[in-house]
Protein backbone atom coordinates (compact mmCIF):
# COMPACT_ATOMS: atom_id res chain seq x y z
CA MET A 1 3.05 0.30 7.65
CA GLN A 2 0.45 0.35 4.91
CA ASP A 3 -1.40 3.28 6.57
CA ILE A 4 1.80 5.32 6.66
CA GLU A 5 2.46 4.62 2.98
CA ALA A 6 -1.13 5.52 2.05
CA ALA A 7 -0.95 8.78 4.02
CA HIS A 8 2.37 9.63 2.35
CA ARG A 9 0.86 9.04 -1.10
CA LEU A 10 -2.07 11.31 -0.19
CA ILE A 11 0.32 14.09 0.80
CA VAL A 12 2.82 13.99 -2.08
CA GLY A 13 0.76 12.60 -4.95
CA SER A 14 -1.48 14.55 -7.32
CA ILE A 15 -5.10 13.89 -6.51
CA ARG A 16 -7.49 13.41 -9.42
CA ARG A 17 -11.23 13.07 -9.50
CA ASN A 18 -12.55 9.91 -11.07
CA ARG A 19 -13.90 11.20 -14.40
CA ASP A 20 -16.71 8.61 -14.31
CA ILE A 21 -18.29 10.26 -11.26
CA ALA A 22 -21.27 12.47 -12.04
CA ALA A 23 -21.46 15.65 -9.93
CA ALA A 24 -24.15 18.28 -9.47
CA GLY A 25 -24.28 21.29 -7.19
CA ILE A 26 -27.44 22.42 -5.43
CA ASP A 27 -27.68 25.14 -2.76
CA GLY A 28 -23.98 25.07 -1.87
CA GLU A 29 -23.80 21.28 -1.62
CA THR A 30 -22.48 18.82 -4.14
CA PHE A 31 -23.99 15.46 -4.96
CA LEU A 32 -21.87 12.74 -6.53
CA MET A 33 -23.05 9.58 -8.28
CA SER A 34 -20.94 6.52 -8.93
CA ILE A 35 -22.74 4.57 -11.62
CA GLU A 36 -20.14 1.80 -11.37
CA ARG A 37 -20.81 1.26 -7.66
CA GLY A 38 -24.46 2.27 -7.72
CA ARG A 39 -23.88 4.79 -4.91
CA TYR A 40 -24.44 8.46 -4.39
CA TYR A 41 -22.76 10.87 -2.02
CA ALA A 42 -23.96 14.17 -0.54
CA LEU A 43 -21.09 16.55 0.23
CA ASP A 44 -21.48 19.30 2.79
CA ALA A 45 -19.97 22.75 2.22
CA ALA A 46 -16.53 21.75 3.52
CA ALA A 47 -16.33 18.59 1.41
CA THR A 48 -17.62 20.56 -1.57
CA ALA A 49 -14.71 23.01 -1.13
CA VAL A 50 -12.30 20.07 -1.24
CA TRP A 51 -14.03 18.52 -4.29
CA GLN A 52 -13.95 21.81 -6.21
CA ARG A 53 -10.23 22.30 -5.56
CA LEU A 54 -9.51 18.95 -7.19
CA ASP A 55 -10.06 20.64 -10.58
CA LEU A 56 -6.37 21.58 -10.42
CA GLU A 57 -5.23 18.05 -9.47
CA PRO A 58 -3.21 19.35 -6.53
CA THR A 59 -0.95 17.37 -4.29
CA GLY A 60 -2.51 16.63 -0.93
CA GLU A 61 0.00 18.99 0.64
CA ALA A 62 -1.00 21.89 -1.64
CA LEU A 63 -4.71 21.14 -1.18
CA ILE A 64 -4.43 21.14 2.61
CA ALA A 65 -2.26 24.29 2.67
CA GLY A 66 -4.83 26.14 0.54
CA LEU A 67 -7.70 25.06 2.77
CA ILE A 68 -5.82 26.09 5.92
CA ALA A 69 -5.10 29.50 4.36
CA ASP A 70 -8.72 30.06 3.26
CA PHE A 71 -10.66 28.70 6.23
CA GLN A 72 -10.49 29.54 9.89
CA GLY A 73 -9.90 26.61 12.14
CA ASP A 74 -7.29 24.48 13.74
CA PRO A 75 -4.66 23.68 11.09
CA VAL A 76 -3.99 20.27 12.63
CA GLY A 77 -7.71 19.49 12.62
CA ILE A 78 -8.11 20.62 9.00
CA HIS A 79 -5.09 18.53 8.01
CA GLY A 80 -6.48 15.41 9.69
CA ASP A 81 -10.02 15.92 8.41
CA VAL A 82 -8.90 16.42 4.81
CA LEU A 83 -6.63 13.38 4.90
CA ALA A 84 -9.47 11.26 6.31
CA LEU A 85 -11.84 12.52 3.62
CA LEU A 86 -9.35 11.88 0.83
CA HIS A 87 -8.64 8.40 2.17
CA GLN A 88 -12.38 7.64 2.19
CA TRP A 89 -12.78 8.98 -1.34
CA LEU A 90 -9.82 6.91 -2.47
CA GLU A 91 -11.37 3.74 -1.01
CA GLU A 92 -14.71 4.58 -2.66
CA GLY A 93 -13.07 5.14 -6.03
CA LEU A 94 -14.06 8.80 -6.21
CA VAL A 95 -10.44 9.92 -6.57
CA SER A 96 -7.09 8.48 -7.57
CA ILE A 97 -3.53 9.45 -6.78
CA ASP A 98 -0.68 9.91 -9.23
CA ALA A 99 2.43 9.48 -7.11
C-alpha cells in the first residue's frame, strides 16, 4: 500500500529540488553534491533533462508528459523510468514533494 501512495504523490504532487543540493553542469552532464549526506551524484543526459525541468516545480504528471512529448521512446518506459528516478531522488533527499 505504501508504494501505491508514494507513486500517487509523485504523480500529483509538485516536485521541488532540495535547495541545499549543489549542482554543476559539465559537457551535458550534471553533477550534484549533498553536503548533508556527504554524497555526490553524476546525472547522465536523460537525468539532467529531468533535473533541469524541476526549475518549474512541476507535478510528476506534467513532468512525465513533457518528457514523453520531447523525447522519442516508449511512453510507458519513460513513465516508469522517470517515476523510478524521482523515487530514488526522494529517498536520497535530492527532491521533495508538495502534495
